[in-house]
């Protein structure tokens, strides 16, 4: 009888998970901006808390003023990113003829190495590409993508603004969710644990991303790789994606170096230096700074990355680790789901056990 009840509960749980996944997939255009709005709130709160730790800052600035300064700092960072992207696009368009010639030289060099008799020209390459790609469709899809990103950013900050306004009343709402004071206290403890651990994770990941981005920028500047600032920004963002982010952080600069130089010696140097940096980050810096902050199994991280990437694409990949950590925290609060939380953790120890 007990076994049947457990099987029934498992079946209901799987059905609920499938339905929830379907809802998240269908409604991703709504849920993704909300999720990133919550991340922005975490970042704003983290910057505000950092300001409060500066000597004499608490007495000079009120809590509301610190939050306003945090929002302005993030808005300034976004404006810098936007200007950097626009400048990179302008530079790419300006030097497009040079890149075309570099691509031809690279393809010809590869053709010679593999014994291709007829060396391709830019005209033949262009005709080959145009036969398979519609330029008008490509430009249209690019414009649509840019408009989609711009509207998503606006939505994210609208959601974040309203969440910040609601933040002061959130504790009172939690207390009124349950007439049982013990139940309300339990809900607040779970939310507090989520806020503390996810906030710490995002703060440390941001610090690591900035550090790795700056070091990558120095390497690319020394080698003379173009768009170094934009690529460094991309590397800092890719730092949030476990495992795959490190691979892409090396791939994109190498692709630019190939087109720019067409010299395999320079590309090899860039490949070695950037790979060593990512190795040091993944095996030394990240474990040292992050420690066991989220206590997630590596297999769970990869699985969460695959699931959320399938549901939400790149956005899901960026949010996969925080979502997995939230699941572990929530599951650890119930005796029925606590074994699942133990299996999802790295070492079987949960935060409620004195972690």
Protein backbone atom coordinates (compact mmCIF):
# COMPACT_ATOMS: atom_id res chain seq x y z
CA UNK A 1 0.00 0.00 0.00
CA UNK A 2 2.79 2.39 0.93
CA UNK A 3 4.68 1.47 -2.25
CA UNK A 4 1.59 2.19 -4.37
CA UNK A 5 1.17 5.58 -2.73
CA UNK A 6 4.80 6.44 -3.44
CA UNK A 7 4.48 5.34 -7.07
CA UNK A 8 1.31 7.40 -7.40
CA UNK A 9 3.03 10.42 -5.89
CA UNK A 10 5.98 9.92 -8.27
CA UNK A 11 3.64 9.70 -11.27
CA UNK A 12 1.84 12.88 -10.20
CA UNK A 13 5.19 14.61 -9.70
CA UNK A 14 6.42 13.65 -13.17
CA UNK A 15 3.14 14.78 -14.72
CA UNK A 16 3.39 18.10 -12.89
CA UNK A 17 7.00 18.52 -14.06
CA UNK A 18 6.03 17.87 -17.68
CA UNK A 19 3.12 20.33 -17.51
CA UNK A 20 5.33 22.94 -15.84
CA UNK A 21 8.00 22.48 -18.51
CA UNK A 22 5.41 22.89 -21.25
CA UNK A 23 4.10 26.10 -19.64
CA UNK A 24 7.63 27.49 -19.28
CA UNK A 25 8.42 26.67 -22.92
CA UNK A 26 5.20 28.12 -24.33
CA UNK A 27 5.38 31.22 -22.12
CA UNK A 28 9.14 31.86 -22.38
CA UNK A 29 8.59 35.29 -23.95
CA UNK A 30 6.86 36.28 -20.70
CA UNK A 31 8.87 34.33 -18.14
CA UNK A 32 12.40 35.10 -19.41
CA UNK A 33 12.19 38.90 -18.87
CA UNK A 34 10.67 38.28 -15.44
CA UNK A 35 13.51 35.92 -14.51
CA UNK A 36 16.14 38.43 -15.61
CA UNK A 37 14.24 41.16 -13.78
CA UNK A 38 14.68 39.13 -10.59
CA UNK A 39 18.41 38.80 -11.38
CA UNK A 40 18.65 42.58 -11.79
CA UNK A 41 16.97 42.99 -8.39
CA UNK A 42 19.58 40.66 -6.88
CA UNK A 43 22.36 42.74 -8.45
CA UNK A 44 20.82 46.04 -7.33
CA UNK A 45 20.39 44.71 -3.79
CA UNK A 46 23.97 43.45 -3.81
CA UNK A 47 25.36 46.82 -4.91
CA UNK A 48 23.20 48.58 -2.31
CA UNK A 49 24.46 46.25 0.43
CA UNK A 50 28.03 46.87 -0.74
CA UNK A 51 27.50 50.62 -0.46
CA UNK A 52 26.14 50.17 3.07
CA UNK A 53 29.43 48.53 4.12
CA UNK A 54 31.50 51.56 3.10
CA UNK A 55 32.49 53.56 6.22
CA UNK A 56 30.22 56.55 6.91
CA UNK A 57 28.08 55.64 3.88
CA UNK A 58 25.16 54.39 5.99
CA UNK A 59 24.87 57.67 7.87
CA UNK A 60 25.18 59.76 4.69
CA UNK A 61 22.93 57.80 2.34
CA UNK A 62 19.54 56.38 3.15
CA UNK A 63 18.53 52.91 1.99
CA UNK A 64 16.38 54.36 -0.80
CA UNK A 65 19.22 56.57 -2.06
CA UNK A 66 21.58 53.58 -2.15
CA UNK A 67 19.08 51.67 -4.27
CA UNK A 68 18.75 54.64 -6.64
CA UNK A 69 22.53 54.84 -6.98
CA UNK A 70 22.66 51.10 -7.69
CA UNK A 71 20.07 51.42 -10.45
CA UNK A 72 21.96 54.37 -11.96
CA UNK A 73 25.23 52.41 -11.87
CA UNK A 74 23.64 49.47 -13.70
CA UNK A 75 22.00 51.82 -16.24
CA UNK A 76 25.40 53.44 -16.87
CA UNK A 77 26.96 49.99 -17.37
CA UNK A 78 24.23 49.09 -19.90
CA UNK A 79 24.77 52.38 -21.73
CA UNK A 80 28.49 51.59 -21.94
CA UNK A 81 27.74 48.11 -23.28
CA UNK A 82 25.33 49.53 -25.88
CA UNK A 83 27.89 52.09 -27.06
CA UNK A 84 30.56 49.37 -27.24
CA UNK A 85 28.35 47.12 -29.35
CA UNK A 86 27.40 49.97 -31.72
CA UNK A 87 31.05 51.00 -32.10
CA UNK A 88 32.05 47.39 -32.84
CA UNK A 89 29.35 47.08 -35.52
CA UNK A 90 30.44 50.36 -37.13
CA UNK A 91 34.06 49.23 -37.16
CA UNK A 92 33.12 45.88 -38.66
CA UNK A 93 31.16 47.54 -41.47
CA UNK A 94 33.99 50.02 -42.09
CA UNK A 95 36.61 47.26 -42.44
CA UNK A 96 34.39 44.72 -44.20
CA UNK A 97 36.51 44.76 -47.39
CA UNK A 98 39.62 43.93 -45.36
CA UNK A 99 37.83 41.03 -43.66
CA UNK A 100 36.62 39.74 -47.02
CA UNK A 101 40.17 39.64 -48.34
CA UNK A 102 41.35 37.93 -45.14
CA UNK A 103 38.66 35.25 -45.48
CA UNK A 104 39.70 34.60 -49.08
CA UNK A 105 43.37 34.28 -48.09
CA UNK A 106 42.44 31.94 -45.25
CA UNK A 107 40.27 29.72 -47.46
CA UNK A 108 42.95 29.67 -50.16
CA UNK A 109 45.60 28.72 -47.61
CA UNK A 110 43.43 25.89 -46.32
CA UNK A 111 42.78 24.80 -49.92
CA UNK A 112 46.51 24.68 -50.65
CA UNK A 113 47.17 22.69 -47.49
CA UNK A 114 44.57 20.11 -48.48
CA UNK A 115 45.63 19.99 -52.13
CA UNK A 116 42.64 21.77 -53.70
CA UNK A 117 43.57 22.52 -57.30
CA UNK A 118 41.36 25.57 -57.94
CA UNK A 119 41.90 28.41 -55.48
CA UNK A 120 38.60 30.08 -54.55
CA UNK A 121 38.10 33.81 -55.02
CA UNK A 122 35.87 36.21 -53.12
CA UNK A 123 33.44 36.21 -56.06
CA UNK A 124 33.13 32.44 -56.08
CA UNK A 125 32.79 32.34 -52.28
CA UNK A 126 30.13 35.05 -52.37
CA UNK A 127 28.18 33.25 -55.09
CA UNK A 128 28.44 30.01 -53.12
CA UNK A 129 27.09 31.68 -49.99
CA UNK A 130 24.35 33.62 -51.77
CA UNK A 131 23.04 30.40 -53.26
CA UNK A 132 22.34 29.15 -49.76
CA UNK A 133 21.57 32.34 -47.81
CA UNK A 134 19.07 35.06 -48.62
CA UNK A 135 20.64 38.41 -47.73
CA UNK A 136 17.26 40.12 -47.36
CA UNK A 137 16.05 37.42 -45.00
CA UNK A 138 19.32 37.61 -43.05
CA UNK A 139 19.06 41.39 -42.68
CA UNK A 140 15.40 41.11 -41.72
CA UNK A 141 16.06 38.48 -39.08
CA UNK A 142 18.98 40.54 -37.73
CA UNK A 143 16.81 43.64 -37.41
CA UNK A 144 14.09 41.59 -35.73
CA UNK A 145 16.63 40.16 -33.29
CA UNK A 146 17.94 43.63 -32.38
CA UNK A 147 14.41 44.94 -31.80
CA UNK A 148 13.57 41.85 -29.73
CA UNK A 149 16.66 42.33 -27.54
CA UNK A 150 15.89 46.03 -27.07
CA UNK A 151 12.28 45.37 -26.07
CA UNK A 152 13.37 42.56 -23.74
CA UNK A 153 15.85 44.86 -21.98
CA UNK A 154 13.13 47.45 -21.46
CA UNK A 155 10.78 44.78 -20.07
CA UNK A 156 13.47 43.45 -17.76
CA UNK A 157 14.03 46.85 -16.18
CA UNK A 158 10.31 47.54 -15.90
CA UNK A 159 9.86 44.25 -14.02
CA UNK A 160 12.92 44.98 -11.90
CA UNK A 161 11.61 48.46 -11.03
CA UNK A 162 8.25 47.11 -9.88
CA UNK A 163 9.91 44.29 -7.94
CA UNK A 164 12.11 46.83 -6.14
CA UNK A 165 9.03 48.86 -5.25
CA UNK A 166 7.30 45.72 -3.93
CA UNK A 167 10.37 44.57 -2.00
CA UNK A 168 9.61 46.56 1.15
CA UNK A 169 6.13 45.01 1.46
CA UNK A 170 7.20 41.49 0.55
CA UNK A 171 7.95 40.34 4.10
CA UNK A 172 4.45 41.35 5.24
CA UNK A 173 2.87 39.46 2.35
CA UNK A 174 4.80 36.32 3.28
CA UNK A 175 3.56 36.55 6.87
CA UNK A 176 -0.03 36.69 5.62
CA UNK A 177 0.32 33.68 3.31
CA UNK A 178 -0.26 31.34 6.23
CA UNK A 179 -2.27 31.72 9.41
CA UNK A 180 0.24 29.44 11.09
CA UNK A 181 3.21 31.54 12.35
CA UNK A 182 5.46 28.49 12.08
CA UNK A 183 4.49 28.00 8.43
CA UNK A 184 5.10 31.66 7.65
CA UNK A 185 8.48 31.51 9.38
CA UNK A 186 9.39 28.45 7.34
CA UNK A 187 8.51 30.20 4.07
CA UNK A 188 10.57 33.22 5.07
CA UNK A 189 13.51 30.97 5.97
CA UNK A 190 13.40 29.31 2.54
CA UNK A 191 13.24 32.66 0.73
CA UNK A 192 16.03 34.04 2.91
CA UNK A 193 18.20 31.02 2.08
CA UNK A 194 17.50 31.43 -1.63
CA UNK A 195 18.28 35.15 -1.52
CA UNK A 196 21.53 34.65 0.40
CA UNK A 197 22.93 31.78 -1.67
CA UNK A 198 21.81 32.97 -5.11
CA UNK A 199 22.89 36.53 -4.31
CA UNK A 200 26.33 35.31 -3.22
CA UNK A 201 26.63 33.13 -6.32
CA UNK A 202 25.73 35.98 -8.70
CA UNK A 203 28.09 38.38 -6.93
CA UNK A 204 31.04 35.99 -7.08
CA UNK A 205 30.31 34.98 -10.67
CA UNK A 206 30.15 38.66 -11.64
CA UNK A 207 33.49 39.29 -9.94
CA UNK A 208 35.05 36.30 -11.73
CA UNK A 209 33.53 37.36 -15.05
CA UNK A 210 35.03 40.85 -14.74
CA UNK A 211 38.41 39.43 -13.74
CA UNK A 212 38.54 36.90 -16.59
CA UNK A 213 37.23 39.50 -19.04
CA UNK A 214 39.96 42.00 -18.08
CA UNK A 215 42.71 39.36 -18.33
CA UNK A 216 41.36 38.23 -21.71
CA UNK A 217 41.30 41.87 -22.84
CA UNK A 218 44.98 42.25 -21.92
CA UNK A 219 45.90 39.10 -23.87
CA UNK A 220 43.93 40.15 -26.95
CA UNK A 221 45.32 43.71 -26.83
CA UNK A 222 48.90 42.39 -26.67
CA UNK A 223 48.25 40.14 -29.67
CA UNK A 224 46.48 42.95 -31.52
CA UNK A 225 43.16 41.16 -31.93
CA UNK A 226 40.43 43.54 -33.08
CA UNK A 227 37.16 44.01 -31.18
CA UNK A 228 39.07 43.06 -28.02
CA UNK A 229 36.79 45.09 -25.73
CA UNK A 230 33.62 43.59 -27.20
CA UNK A 231 35.07 40.07 -27.02
CA UNK A 232 36.14 40.64 -23.41
CA UNK A 233 32.59 41.69 -22.55
CA UNK A 234 31.27 38.55 -24.28
CA UNK A 235 33.74 36.39 -22.33
CA UNK A 236 32.58 37.98 -19.05
CA UNK A 237 28.96 37.11 -19.89
CA UNK A 238 29.85 33.58 -21.01
CA UNK A 239 31.42 33.03 -17.58
CA UNK A 240 27.88 32.54 -16.23
CA UNK A 241 27.40 29.47 -18.44
CA UNK A 242 29.15 26.45 -16.89
CA UNK A 243 31.50 24.32 -19.01
CA UNK A 244 30.22 25.43 -22.44
CA UNK A 245 30.94 29.09 -21.64
CA UNK A 246 34.68 28.38 -21.28
CA UNK A 247 34.77 26.71 -24.72
CA UNK A 248 32.92 29.59 -26.40
CA UNK A 249 35.16 32.13 -24.61
CA UNK A 250 38.10 30.68 -26.55
CA UNK A 251 36.26 29.95 -29.80
CA UNK A 252 35.00 33.47 -30.56
CA UNK A 253 38.36 35.30 -30.16
CA UNK A 254 40.08 32.56 -32.20
CA UNK A 255 37.53 32.98 -35.00
CA UNK A 256 38.15 36.74 -35.06
CA UNK A 257 41.93 36.20 -35.05
CA UNK A 258 41.64 33.78 -37.97
CA UNK A 259 39.70 36.29 -40.07
CA UNK A 260 41.91 39.20 -39.04
CA UNK A 261 45.38 37.70 -39.43
CA UNK A 262 45.00 34.55 -41.50
CA UNK A 263 48.20 33.51 -39.71
CA UNK A 264 48.00 30.21 -37.87
CA UNK A 265 51.01 31.10 -35.68
CA UNK A 266 49.24 34.10 -34.11
CA UNK A 267 46.04 32.08 -33.80
CA UNK A 268 47.94 29.28 -32.05
CA UNK A 269 49.42 31.72 -29.53
CA UNK A 270 45.97 33.18 -28.83
CA UNK A 271 44.51 29.69 -28.50
CA UNK A 272 47.14 28.63 -25.96
CA UNK A 273 46.97 31.80 -23.83
CA UNK A 274 43.18 31.99 -23.71
CA UNK A 275 42.88 28.25 -23.05
CA UNK A 276 45.36 28.49 -20.17
CA UNK A 277 43.37 31.41 -18.73
CA UNK A 278 40.12 29.45 -18.91
CA UNK A 279 41.83 26.40 -17.38
CA UNK A 280 43.14 28.47 -14.47
CA UNK A 281 39.72 30.05 -14.00
CA UNK A 282 37.85 26.74 -14.11
CA UNK A 283 40.25 24.76 -11.94
CA UNK A 284 41.76 27.35 -9.57
CA UNK A 285 39.99 30.72 -9.41
CA UNK A 286 36.41 29.48 -9.64
CA UNK A 287 36.77 26.69 -7.02
CA UNK A 288 38.75 28.99 -4.69
CA UNK A 289 36.30 31.91 -4.78
CA UNK A 290 33.06 29.97 -5.26
CA UNK A 291 33.98 27.12 -2.93
CA UNK A 292 30.87 25.05 -2.31
CA UNK A 293 28.50 28.02 -2.33
CA UNK A 294 25.66 26.21 -4.11
CA UNK A 295 26.63 22.60 -3.29
CA UNK A 296 25.38 21.24 -6.63
CA UNK A 297 26.41 17.99 -8.24
CA UNK A 298 28.33 18.54 -11.51
CA UNK A 299 25.96 16.12 -13.24
CA UNK A 300 22.99 18.17 -12.01
CA UNK A 301 24.61 21.34 -13.37
CA UNK A 302 25.05 19.76 -16.81
CA UNK A 303 21.52 18.34 -16.75
CA UNK A 304 20.05 21.69 -15.68
CA UNK A 305 22.06 23.39 -18.42
CA UNK A 306 20.65 21.00 -21.03
CA UNK A 307 17.05 21.31 -19.80
CA UNK A 308 16.96 25.09 -19.46
CA UNK A 309 18.82 25.60 -22.74
CA UNK A 310 16.17 23.48 -24.46
CA UNK A 311 13.39 25.50 -22.80
CA UNK A 312 14.78 29.05 -23.01
CA UNK A 313 17.85 28.91 -25.25
CA UNK A 314 20.81 31.11 -24.26
CA UNK A 315 18.74 32.79 -21.52
CA UNK A 316 18.08 29.40 -19.97
CA UNK A 317 21.79 28.54 -20.09
CA UNK A 318 22.61 31.73 -18.17
CA UNK A 319 20.00 30.95 -15.51
CA UNK A 320 20.43 27.17 -15.29
CA UNK A 321 22.66 27.06 -12.20
CA UNK A 322 20.60 29.47 -10.03
CA UNK A 323 17.41 27.57 -10.94
CA UNK A 324 19.01 24.24 -9.95
CA UNK A 325 20.14 25.73 -6.63
CA UNK A 326 16.63 27.02 -5.92
CA UNK A 327 15.21 23.53 -6.52
CA UNK A 328 17.66 22.03 -4.04
CA UNK A 329 16.77 24.61 -1.38
CA UNK A 330 13.02 24.14 -1.86
CA UNK A 331 13.25 20.33 -1.92
CA UNK A 332 15.33 20.32 1.26
CA UNK A 333 12.48 21.89 3.25
CA UNK A 334 10.09 18.95 2.85
CA UNK A 335 10.58 15.46 4.23
CA UNK A 336 8.97 14.00 1.10
CA UNK A 337 11.38 15.73 -1.30
CA UNK A 338 14.43 15.93 0.96
CA UNK A 339 15.99 12.72 -0.52
CA UNK A 340 15.83 14.35 -3.96
CA UNK A 341 17.65 17.41 -2.62
CA UNK A 342 20.35 15.16 -1.16
CA UNK A 343 20.82 13.43 -4.52
CA UNK A 344 21.03 16.78 -6.33
CA UNK A 345 23.68 18.12 -3.94
CA UNK A 346 27.41 17.65 -4.39
CA UNK A 347 28.19 15.90 -1.10
CA UNK A 348 24.78 15.07 0.39
CA UNK A 349 24.94 17.88 2.94
CA UNK A 350 22.16 20.45 2.86
CA UNK A 351 22.12 24.00 4.17
CA UNK A 352 19.71 23.05 6.94
CA UNK A 353 22.36 20.66 8.24
CA UNK A 354 24.67 23.45 9.19
CA UNK A 355 26.27 24.18 5.84
